[in-house]
Amino acid sequence: MAENFDIVIIGSGPGGYVAAIRAAQLGMKTAVIEKADLGGICLNWGCIPTKALLRCSEIHHLLQNADQFGFTISGIKFDLQKIVERSRKVASQLSSGVSHLLKKNKVTVIKGYGKLAGKGKIIAEQDNNKTEILAKHIIISTGARARILPGFEPDGKFIYTYREAMIPNELPKKLLVVGSGTIGIEFASFYHNLGSEVTVIETIDKILPAEDDEISTLARKSFENQGIKIYTGAKIQSAVKNKDTVTATVDIKGKTEKFEVNAIIMAVGIEANIENLGLEHTTVKIDKGHIVTNEWLETSEKNIYAIGDVAGAPWLAHKASHEGIVCVEKIAGSKDVHPICKTKIPGCTYSMPQIASVGLTEKQALEQGYKIKVGRFPFIGNGKAVAMGESEGLIKTIFDEKTGELLGAHMIGAEVTEMIQGFVIAKNLEATELDLMHSIFPHPTLSEMMHESVLSAFGKAIHF
C-alpha cells in the first residue's frame, strides 16, 4: 500500500532539502525523493566542491607570492589528485550532513527517480523497483544540468563541463574556457592559479554578463594583468580532437582564429531538468525550458509547485533555498510569509579577485528612469586591504537621488562575497543613505569601504 505524505519533494538540492526540513518543522509529514547523492548538484558537483578547489588554488597563489610578505619558499609543488580528492571529501562530508539533518527532522528519504503519476501520486523508480507515494502537495526541485552544444559533448579528456572540470586527471597546459559567467570565470581562475595557460571567450562584448559594466571592466583588466587571455564577441565554431590536443576554431568579431589547447571547458549556461517527470499529464506550463510559477512557487496545476533552477533564473543555490521556505510556509498557511524580491538576491563569483553584487546595475537604474547618485571607494584607500596585500578592488553603490533608497551595490576585490550580505540586509530593511551613513563600521576592516562608498555617493567620503 502506498504511503501518504503531506508534502513530497522531488530532488534534494539546496531547494529540496531545505524545503523538506522547514516542512517537517511546521508539522507536516514530509518525504524527499532523490536519485543520486543528497544535497544535489550544488553540494556534490557545484557550489561547495568548486570552492574547495578554489581555496587550494588561492593557497598556491599565496605560496608563489610569499616573498611579498617576507617569506622565502622554494620547491613549491602540488598534487592535483590530492586537491581533487580533498574537494570530493568536502562534498561527501556535507552530503552526509544533509542526511543527518533530514533524519533529525524525521524526513523520509526515498531513493529513486521521481515521476508524477496522476493526481497526488508519484512513482519513485530505482533498479527496476517502483515505489508508489501519495502526497497532498508535490514540490518539484530537480535543478538543472550543464547546457551541451552539439559537437561539444563532454568526453572527460578534451571537452569538459563543470563536472569533468572538477575531477581532472592532469593539469591542462593550455585551457580554453567557453563562457565568462560565474562558472567559466571561477574555473579560469582556478586553473590559471595552478599554472595553466588560460584563454576565455565570450559571445557578448563583456565578461560576467550579469554584472555592472564598470565592475566587469575592472574584472577583465585584473584577469588580463594576471595573464588570462580574454576575447569578447567570440563564438566557438568547432573542435577537432588530435592525439594530445584539441583545436578549437573561434569566430572573433568576424575573424576566424584557431586555438590548440589541451582541454576546453564549456560553460555556456544550464538546462532545467524537466524531462521524464510526467509533466505532460498535468497542466503545468513550461516557458523557455523552465517550469512557470507564480510568486508563491505554485504551478498552473493545483498542489504542484516548483522551486530552484528548474523554475528559472537566477540560478542560485540561496535563491532555491529561500524559495523552498517560502513555498512550504505558504502551504502551511503561515501569516508571516513574503514572496521573493529578485532584486534583493545577491550574486557571487569566487574568482581571484572575487565579485559580488545585489540590486540594480548603474545601467539598469538609468534605464528604469531613476535619477541616481553613485558612490565608489577603492581598496587602495583601505588600511586593512593594504595590510593584507589586497589593495586591488572597488566598492560601488547606487542610490535613488530623490529618496536615498539603496538601488544596488557592486564589489570586486578580496572577500567581497562575505561583505555583500551587509548591503543585502540594508536593501531588505529598505535602508536609506542616512541609515548606512549613521552606522558605525569597525576599524580596521574591509567593511569600512562599504561605509565610505555610501559617503562617496553624497560627497562625504573621508579617506579618498
Protein backbone atom coordinates (compact mmCIF):
# COMPACT_ATOMS: atom_id res chain seq x y z
CA MET A 1 0.00 0.00 0.00
CA ALA A 2 1.30 3.46 -0.93
CA GLU A 3 2.41 5.67 1.95
CA ASN A 4 0.71 9.06 2.32
CA PHE A 5 2.55 12.33 2.94
CA ASP A 6 1.57 15.95 3.35
CA ILE A 7 4.47 17.06 1.16
CA VAL A 8 6.73 15.12 -1.19
CA ILE A 9 9.72 16.87 -2.73
CA ILE A 10 11.37 15.55 -5.87
CA GLY A 11 15.06 16.43 -5.60
CA SER A 12 17.26 17.04 -2.56
CA GLY A 13 19.35 20.01 -3.69
CA PRO A 14 19.59 23.26 -1.69
CA GLY A 15 15.95 23.96 -2.54
CA GLY A 16 14.60 20.49 -1.89
CA TYR A 17 16.27 19.53 1.36
CA VAL A 18 15.71 22.96 2.91
CA ALA A 19 12.03 22.83 1.92
CA ALA A 20 11.77 19.37 3.47
CA ILE A 21 13.31 20.45 6.77
CA ARG A 22 11.10 23.52 7.02
CA ALA A 23 8.00 21.47 6.17
CA ALA A 24 8.86 18.99 8.90
CA GLN A 25 9.40 21.83 11.38
CA LEU A 26 5.89 23.04 10.55
CA GLY A 27 4.47 19.65 11.48
CA MET A 28 3.91 18.22 8.01
CA LYS A 29 4.68 14.61 7.18
CA THR A 30 7.40 15.01 4.58
CA ALA A 31 9.38 12.89 2.12
CA VAL A 32 12.21 13.61 -0.30
CA ILE A 33 12.83 11.57 -3.43
CA GLU A 34 16.45 11.60 -4.62
CA LYS A 35 18.03 9.54 -7.40
CA ALA A 36 21.65 10.40 -6.54
CA ASP A 37 23.51 11.95 -3.59
CA LEU A 38 21.70 14.09 -1.05
CA GLY A 39 22.46 17.79 -1.48
CA GLY A 40 22.02 17.83 -5.24
CA ILE A 41 24.39 19.30 -7.81
CA CYS A 42 25.25 22.37 -5.72
CA LEU A 43 26.62 20.45 -2.80
CA ASN A 44 28.10 17.50 -4.69
CA TRP A 45 29.19 18.95 -8.04
CA GLY A 46 28.80 22.71 -7.84
CA CYS A 47 28.95 25.41 -5.18
CA ILE A 48 30.78 23.54 -2.44
CA PRO A 49 33.43 21.39 -4.19
CA THR A 50 34.37 24.24 -6.52
CA LYS A 51 35.07 26.44 -3.50
CA ALA A 52 37.31 23.71 -2.10
CA LEU A 53 39.22 23.68 -5.39
CA LEU A 54 39.45 27.46 -5.50
CA ARG A 55 40.78 27.53 -1.94
CA CYS A 56 43.64 25.25 -2.99
CA SER A 57 44.47 27.43 -5.98
CA GLU A 58 44.43 30.53 -3.73
CA ILE A 59 46.91 28.85 -1.37
CA HIS A 60 49.14 28.02 -4.33
CA HIS A 61 48.98 31.65 -5.46
CA LEU A 62 49.92 32.89 -1.97
CA LEU A 63 52.84 30.48 -1.75
CA GLN A 64 54.08 31.63 -5.14
CA ASN A 65 53.98 35.23 -3.90
CA ALA A 66 55.20 34.63 -0.34
CA ASP A 67 58.18 36.93 -0.84
CA GLN A 68 55.79 39.91 -0.72
CA PHE A 69 55.14 39.04 2.94
CA GLY A 70 58.79 38.44 3.87
CA PHE A 71 58.90 34.68 3.37
CA THR A 72 61.29 32.71 1.20
CA ILE A 73 59.81 29.47 -0.07
CA SER A 74 61.32 27.24 -2.74
CA GLY A 75 60.38 23.98 -4.41
CA ILE A 76 56.63 24.53 -4.26
CA LYS A 77 54.77 21.54 -5.64
CA PHE A 78 51.18 20.35 -5.58
CA ASP A 79 49.46 17.04 -6.09
CA LEU A 80 46.46 17.60 -8.36
CA GLN A 81 44.84 14.33 -7.39
CA LYS A 82 45.04 15.21 -3.69
CA ILE A 83 43.48 18.60 -4.45
CA VAL A 84 40.63 16.85 -6.25
CA GLU A 85 40.37 14.23 -3.50
CA ARG A 86 40.03 16.94 -0.85
CA SER A 87 37.27 18.58 -2.85
CA ARG A 88 35.37 15.31 -3.11
CA LYS A 89 35.79 14.65 0.62
CA VAL A 90 34.35 18.07 1.44
CA ALA A 91 31.33 17.33 -0.76
CA SER A 92 30.89 13.87 0.78
CA GLN A 93 31.09 15.23 4.32
CA LEU A 94 28.41 17.82 3.67
CA SER A 95 26.17 15.34 1.84
CA SER A 96 26.34 13.17 4.96
CA GLY A 97 25.42 16.26 6.94
CA VAL A 98 22.27 16.72 4.87
CA SER A 99 21.37 13.09 5.53
CA HIS A 100 21.77 13.70 9.27
CA LEU A 101 19.60 16.84 9.15
CA LEU A 102 16.80 15.07 7.27
CA LYS A 103 16.90 12.16 9.69
CA LYS A 104 16.95 14.53 12.68
CA ASN A 105 13.84 16.26 11.35
CA LYS A 106 12.12 12.92 10.63
CA VAL A 107 12.00 13.47 6.87
CA THR A 108 11.58 10.24 4.92
CA VAL A 109 14.22 9.82 2.20
CA ILE A 110 13.20 7.68 -0.75
CA LYS A 111 15.92 6.69 -3.20
CA GLY A 112 14.95 6.68 -6.85
CA TYR A 113 13.87 8.75 -9.82
CA GLY A 114 10.63 10.55 -9.02
CA LYS A 115 7.89 10.91 -11.60
CA LEU A 116 4.34 12.27 -11.41
CA ALA A 117 1.78 9.54 -11.98
CA GLY A 118 -1.60 11.20 -11.55
CA LYS A 119 -3.33 13.47 -9.03
CA GLY A 120 -1.29 13.42 -5.85
CA LYS A 121 0.66 10.36 -6.92
CA ILE A 122 4.40 9.90 -7.54
CA ILE A 123 6.34 6.83 -8.61
CA ALA A 124 9.94 6.52 -7.39
CA GLU A 125 11.91 4.07 -9.52
CA GLN A 126 15.32 2.57 -8.74
CA ASP A 127 16.90 -0.56 -10.19
CA ASN A 128 13.58 -1.52 -11.82
CA ASN A 129 11.84 -1.38 -8.46
CA LYS A 130 8.92 1.04 -8.22
CA THR A 131 7.54 2.68 -5.10
CA GLU A 132 4.19 4.45 -5.16
CA ILE A 133 3.85 7.54 -2.95
CA LEU A 134 0.80 9.70 -2.31
CA ALA A 135 1.02 13.37 -1.40
CA LYS A 136 -1.29 16.32 -0.76
CA HIS A 137 1.38 18.65 -2.12
CA ILE A 138 4.25 17.95 -4.53
CA ILE A 139 7.28 20.21 -4.90
CA ILE A 140 9.49 19.79 -7.96
CA SER A 141 13.09 20.66 -7.12
CA THR A 142 15.00 18.79 -9.81
CA GLY A 143 17.54 21.51 -10.58
CA ALA A 144 19.43 21.87 -13.81
CA ARG A 145 22.38 20.50 -15.75
CA ALA A 146 25.07 21.95 -17.98
CA ARG A 147 23.91 23.04 -21.40
CA ILE A 148 25.58 20.93 -24.09
CA LEU A 149 26.18 22.37 -27.55
CA PRO A 150 26.07 19.90 -30.46
CA GLY A 151 29.60 18.89 -31.41
CA PHE A 152 30.95 19.77 -27.97
CA GLU A 153 29.73 16.82 -25.93
CA PRO A 154 31.91 16.22 -22.84
CA ASP A 155 34.35 13.32 -23.11
CA GLY A 156 36.40 13.80 -19.93
CA LYS A 157 39.63 14.20 -21.91
CA PHE A 158 39.33 17.15 -24.25
CA ILE A 159 35.84 18.58 -23.62
CA TYR A 160 34.64 19.34 -20.09
CA THR A 161 31.50 20.65 -18.45
CA TYR A 162 31.76 21.83 -14.84
CA ARG A 163 31.54 18.21 -13.70
CA GLU A 164 34.59 16.97 -15.63
CA ALA A 165 36.46 20.20 -14.84
CA MET A 166 36.26 19.37 -11.13
CA ILE A 167 37.98 16.00 -11.44
CA PRO A 168 40.80 16.39 -14.00
CA ASN A 169 43.33 13.58 -14.28
CA GLU A 170 46.06 16.07 -15.08
CA LEU A 171 46.50 19.82 -15.28
CA PRO A 172 46.00 21.02 -18.87
CA LYS A 173 48.97 23.08 -20.04
CA LYS A 174 46.67 25.15 -22.23
CA LEU A 175 42.96 25.59 -21.49
CA LEU A 176 40.12 27.27 -23.38
CA VAL A 177 37.08 28.34 -21.34
CA VAL A 178 33.93 28.98 -23.37
CA GLY A 179 31.66 31.36 -21.48
CA SER A 180 32.53 34.06 -18.95
CA GLY A 181 29.71 33.78 -16.46
CA THR A 182 30.34 32.77 -12.87
CA ILE A 183 31.16 29.13 -13.67
CA GLY A 184 33.52 29.95 -16.53
CA ILE A 185 35.38 32.66 -14.63
CA GLU A 186 35.76 30.55 -11.48
CA PHE A 187 37.32 27.68 -13.44
CA ALA A 188 39.50 30.10 -15.40
CA SER A 189 40.79 31.48 -12.09
CA PHE A 190 41.30 28.03 -10.56
CA TYR A 191 43.28 26.60 -13.46
CA HIS A 192 45.27 29.78 -14.03
CA ASN A 193 46.38 29.94 -10.39
CA LEU A 194 47.61 26.36 -10.63
CA GLY A 195 49.67 27.16 -13.73
CA SER A 196 47.52 26.52 -16.80
CA GLU A 197 47.70 28.94 -19.72
CA VAL A 198 44.05 30.05 -19.83
CA THR A 199 42.04 31.69 -22.60
CA VAL A 200 38.42 32.78 -22.08
CA ILE A 201 35.99 33.54 -24.89
CA GLU A 202 32.59 35.21 -24.54
CA THR A 203 29.91 35.81 -27.19
CA ILE A 204 28.84 39.27 -25.97
CA ASP A 205 31.05 42.35 -25.60
CA LYS A 206 31.77 41.98 -21.85
CA ILE A 207 32.69 39.27 -19.39
CA LEU A 208 30.49 38.46 -16.39
CA PRO A 209 27.35 39.48 -18.31
CA ALA A 210 25.14 39.85 -15.22
CA GLU A 211 27.47 42.32 -13.51
CA ASP A 212 27.65 46.11 -13.58
CA ASP A 213 29.63 47.30 -16.62
CA GLU A 214 32.23 49.09 -14.52
CA ILE A 215 32.86 46.02 -12.37
CA SER A 216 33.03 43.82 -15.48
CA THR A 217 35.66 46.13 -16.99
CA LEU A 218 37.74 46.09 -13.80
CA ALA A 219 37.49 42.30 -13.62
CA ARG A 220 38.67 41.90 -17.19
CA LYS A 221 41.62 44.21 -16.59
CA SER A 222 42.58 42.26 -13.45
CA PHE A 223 42.36 38.85 -15.12
CA GLU A 224 44.32 40.03 -18.15
CA ASN A 225 47.01 41.55 -15.90
CA GLN A 226 47.32 38.14 -14.27
CA GLY A 227 47.93 36.58 -17.67
CA ILE A 228 44.50 35.21 -18.60
CA LYS A 229 43.69 35.93 -22.25
CA ILE A 230 40.14 37.14 -22.88
CA TYR A 231 38.26 37.56 -26.15
CA THR A 232 34.76 39.03 -26.27
CA GLY A 233 32.48 38.99 -29.29
CA ALA A 234 33.79 35.46 -29.82
CA LYS A 235 31.92 32.28 -30.70
CA ILE A 236 33.31 28.77 -30.85
CA GLN A 237 32.53 27.04 -34.15
CA SER A 238 34.18 23.64 -33.96
CA ALA A 239 36.62 21.46 -32.04
CA VAL A 240 38.88 18.92 -33.73
CA LYS A 241 40.47 16.36 -31.45
CA ASN A 242 44.09 15.43 -32.06
CA LYS A 243 46.25 12.90 -30.25
CA ASP A 244 47.07 15.02 -27.20
CA THR A 245 45.38 18.33 -28.00
CA VAL A 246 42.15 19.73 -29.37
CA THR A 247 41.99 22.52 -31.94
CA ALA A 248 39.14 24.99 -31.45
CA THR A 249 38.01 27.22 -34.29
CA VAL A 250 36.64 30.51 -32.95
CA ASP A 251 34.99 33.42 -34.72
CA ILE A 252 36.22 36.63 -33.05
CA LYS A 253 34.26 39.62 -34.32
CA GLY A 254 34.17 38.19 -37.83
CA LYS A 255 37.75 36.92 -37.90
CA THR A 256 38.50 33.20 -37.64
CA GLU A 257 41.12 32.14 -35.11
CA LYS A 258 42.37 28.68 -34.11
CA PHE A 259 43.39 27.70 -30.59
CA GLU A 260 45.27 24.47 -29.96
CA VAL A 261 44.72 23.55 -26.33
CA ASN A 262 44.78 20.52 -24.08
CA ALA A 263 41.20 20.92 -22.90
CA ILE A 264 38.05 23.01 -23.41
CA ILE A 265 35.62 23.85 -20.61
CA MET A 266 32.11 24.51 -21.92
CA ALA A 267 30.42 26.96 -19.54
CA VAL A 268 27.58 28.12 -21.76
CA GLY A 269 24.65 28.01 -19.40
CA ILE A 270 22.28 25.43 -17.96
CA GLU A 271 19.14 23.50 -18.88
CA ALA A 272 16.39 22.73 -16.40
CA ASN A 273 15.73 19.08 -15.55
CA ILE A 274 12.12 18.85 -16.70
CA GLU A 275 12.27 15.66 -18.75
CA ASN A 276 10.61 12.40 -17.68
CA LEU A 277 8.79 13.98 -14.76
CA GLY A 278 5.33 13.18 -16.05
CA LEU A 279 4.55 16.85 -16.62
CA GLU A 280 2.82 16.03 -19.89
CA HIS A 281 -0.06 14.57 -17.85
CA THR A 282 -0.55 17.83 -15.95
CA THR A 283 -1.46 21.43 -16.75
CA VAL A 284 1.98 22.61 -15.59
CA LYS A 285 3.27 25.22 -18.02
CA ILE A 286 6.79 25.36 -19.43
CA ASP A 287 8.35 28.55 -20.78
CA LYS A 288 11.85 28.73 -22.28
CA GLY A 289 12.68 25.34 -20.80
CA HIS A 290 11.65 26.16 -17.22
CA ILE A 291 8.55 25.48 -15.12
CA VAL A 292 6.33 28.55 -14.79
CA THR A 293 5.32 29.51 -11.24
CA ASN A 294 3.68 32.45 -9.51
CA GLU A 295 5.18 34.40 -6.62
CA TRP A 296 4.30 31.55 -4.23
CA LEU A 297 6.06 28.95 -6.42
CA GLU A 298 2.70 27.46 -7.43
CA THR A 299 2.45 25.99 -10.92
CA SER A 300 -0.69 26.06 -13.03
CA GLU A 301 -1.61 22.60 -11.62
CA LYS A 302 -3.17 22.74 -8.17
CA ASN A 303 -0.94 21.38 -5.38
CA ILE A 304 2.13 21.11 -7.62
CA TYR A 305 4.96 23.57 -7.01
CA ALA A 306 8.45 24.19 -8.42
CA ILE A 307 11.49 25.78 -6.79
CA GLY A 308 15.13 26.42 -7.64
CA ASP A 309 16.85 26.20 -11.01
CA VAL A 310 14.02 24.21 -12.58
CA ALA A 311 11.77 27.23 -12.00
CA GLY A 312 14.04 29.76 -13.70
CA ALA A 313 16.63 32.46 -13.07
CA PRO A 314 18.53 33.48 -11.13
CA TRP A 315 20.12 30.03 -10.93
CA LEU A 316 21.49 30.30 -7.43
CA ALA A 317 21.51 27.89 -4.52
CA HIS A 318 20.48 30.51 -1.95
CA LYS A 319 17.56 31.55 -4.13
CA ALA A 320 16.43 27.91 -4.29
CA SER A 321 16.68 27.51 -0.51
CA HIS A 322 14.65 30.63 0.17
CA GLU A 323 12.05 29.61 -2.40
CA GLY A 324 11.73 26.29 -0.60
CA ILE A 325 10.96 28.04 2.67
CA VAL A 326 8.51 30.48 1.08
CA CYS A 327 6.76 27.62 -0.69
CA VAL A 328 6.20 25.38 2.34
CA GLU A 329 5.31 28.25 4.67
CA LYS A 330 2.64 29.35 2.20
CA ILE A 331 1.35 25.78 2.01
CA ALA A 332 1.24 25.65 5.82
CA GLY A 333 -0.77 28.86 5.92
CA SER A 334 1.88 30.92 7.70
CA LYS A 335 0.88 34.55 8.01
CA ASP A 336 4.38 35.99 8.04
CA VAL A 337 5.49 34.84 4.60
CA HIS A 338 6.54 37.10 1.74
CA PRO A 339 7.28 36.50 -1.94
CA ILE A 340 10.90 36.76 -3.04
CA CYS A 341 12.06 40.08 -4.49
CA LYS A 342 14.68 39.09 -7.06
CA THR A 343 16.47 42.44 -6.87
CA LYS A 344 17.38 41.55 -3.28
CA ILE A 345 19.12 38.29 -4.21
CA PRO A 346 22.92 38.60 -4.12
CA GLY A 347 25.21 37.06 -6.72
CA CYS A 348 28.80 35.97 -6.07
CA THR A 349 31.78 34.87 -8.17
CA TYR A 350 34.59 33.28 -6.15
CA SER A 351 37.44 34.01 -8.51
CA MET A 352 40.58 35.98 -7.70
CA PRO A 353 39.56 38.79 -7.32
CA GLN A 354 36.07 37.98 -6.06
CA ILE A 355 32.97 39.69 -7.46
CA ALA A 356 29.69 40.24 -5.61
CA SER A 357 26.56 42.28 -6.25
CA VAL A 358 22.95 42.90 -5.30
CA GLY A 359 20.23 45.01 -6.86
CA LEU A 360 20.29 47.16 -9.97
CA THR A 361 23.37 47.93 -12.02
CA GLU A 362 24.02 51.55 -12.91
CA LYS A 363 22.76 50.92 -16.45
CA GLN A 364 19.57 49.22 -15.21
CA ALA A 365 18.84 52.02 -12.76
CA LEU A 366 19.13 54.64 -15.52
CA GLU A 367 17.03 52.55 -17.91
CA GLN A 368 14.30 52.36 -15.26
CA GLY A 369 14.19 56.13 -15.06
CA TYR A 370 15.92 56.72 -11.75
CA LYS A 371 17.96 59.83 -11.16
CA ILE A 372 20.89 58.35 -9.29
CA LYS A 373 23.85 59.08 -7.08
CA VAL A 374 26.81 56.72 -7.42
CA GLY A 375 29.47 56.15 -4.79
CA ARG A 376 32.83 54.49 -5.28
CA PHE A 377 35.61 53.55 -2.91
CA PRO A 378 38.81 51.74 -3.96
CA PHE A 379 40.55 49.05 -1.92
CA ILE A 380 43.80 51.05 -2.12
CA GLY A 381 42.23 53.58 0.26
CA ASN A 382 41.50 50.99 2.97
CA GLY A 383 44.09 50.24 5.65
CA LYS A 384 43.06 46.61 6.20
CA ALA A 385 43.18 45.88 2.45
CA VAL A 386 46.66 47.39 2.14
CA ALA A 387 47.88 45.48 5.22
CA MET A 388 46.54 42.24 3.74
CA GLY A 389 48.28 42.88 0.44
CA GLU A 390 44.86 43.06 -1.24
CA SER A 391 44.75 46.64 -2.48
CA GLU A 392 43.06 45.86 -5.81
CA GLY A 393 39.31 46.35 -5.92
CA LEU A 394 36.33 48.67 -5.73
CA ILE A 395 33.07 49.06 -3.82
CA LYS A 396 30.33 50.77 -5.85
CA THR A 397 26.94 51.85 -4.53
CA ILE A 398 23.93 53.25 -6.39
CA PHE A 399 21.20 55.33 -4.74
CA ASP A 400 17.94 56.93 -5.77
CA GLU A 401 18.76 60.66 -5.57
CA LYS A 402 15.18 61.52 -4.61
CA THR A 403 14.53 59.04 -1.80
CA GLY A 404 18.01 57.87 -0.77
CA GLU A 405 17.00 54.24 -1.41
CA LEU A 406 19.89 51.86 -1.99
CA LEU A 407 19.24 50.56 -5.51
CA GLY A 408 22.32 48.42 -5.98
CA ALA A 409 25.78 47.53 -4.68
CA HIS A 410 28.62 46.08 -6.72
CA MET A 411 32.01 44.90 -5.49
CA ILE A 412 35.24 43.48 -6.78
CA GLY A 413 38.16 42.52 -4.54
CA ALA A 414 39.19 40.31 -1.64
CA GLU A 415 36.39 38.81 0.47
CA VAL A 416 33.59 40.80 -1.18
CA THR A 417 31.46 37.64 -1.29
CA GLU A 418 31.37 37.83 2.51
CA MET A 419 30.72 41.59 2.65
CA ILE A 420 27.84 41.79 0.17
CA GLN A 421 25.40 40.49 2.79
CA GLY A 422 25.63 43.85 4.56
CA PHE A 423 24.05 45.55 1.57
CA VAL A 424 21.54 42.70 1.18
CA ILE A 425 20.30 43.34 4.71
CA ALA A 426 20.22 47.08 4.01
CA LYS A 427 18.04 46.53 0.95
CA ASN A 428 15.77 44.12 2.78
CA LEU A 429 15.27 46.68 5.57
CA GLU A 430 14.72 49.41 2.96
CA ALA A 431 17.60 51.37 4.42
CA THR A 432 18.37 54.83 3.09
CA GLU A 433 21.73 56.52 2.70
CA LEU A 434 21.26 58.10 6.15
CA ASP A 435 20.79 54.72 7.84
CA LEU A 436 24.04 53.50 6.29
CA MET A 437 25.92 56.73 6.94
CA HIS A 438 24.93 56.67 10.61
CA SER A 439 26.05 53.06 11.05
CA ILE A 440 29.44 52.65 12.73
CA PHE A 441 31.72 50.18 10.94
CA PRO A 442 34.57 48.56 12.88
CA HIS A 443 38.18 49.59 12.18
CA PRO A 444 40.31 48.25 10.67
CA THR A 445 38.11 46.13 8.42
CA LEU A 446 37.41 45.74 4.75
CA SER A 447 33.78 46.55 5.54
CA GLU A 448 34.71 50.18 6.16
CA MET A 449 34.86 50.54 2.38
CA MET A 450 31.13 49.88 2.26
CA HIS A 451 30.60 52.89 4.51
CA GLU A 452 32.99 55.05 2.51
CA SER A 453 31.29 54.13 -0.77
CA VAL A 454 27.95 55.32 0.63
CA LEU A 455 29.56 58.54 1.85
CA SER A 456 31.17 58.98 -1.58
CA ALA A 457 27.79 58.88 -3.33
CA PHE A 458 26.82 62.00 -1.40
CA GLY A 459 30.17 63.79 -1.50
CA LYS A 460 31.15 62.91 2.08
CA ALA A 461 33.93 60.31 1.69
CA ILE A 462 36.68 60.76 4.29
CA HIS A 463 39.54 58.55 3.14
CA PHE A 464 39.55 59.17 -0.59
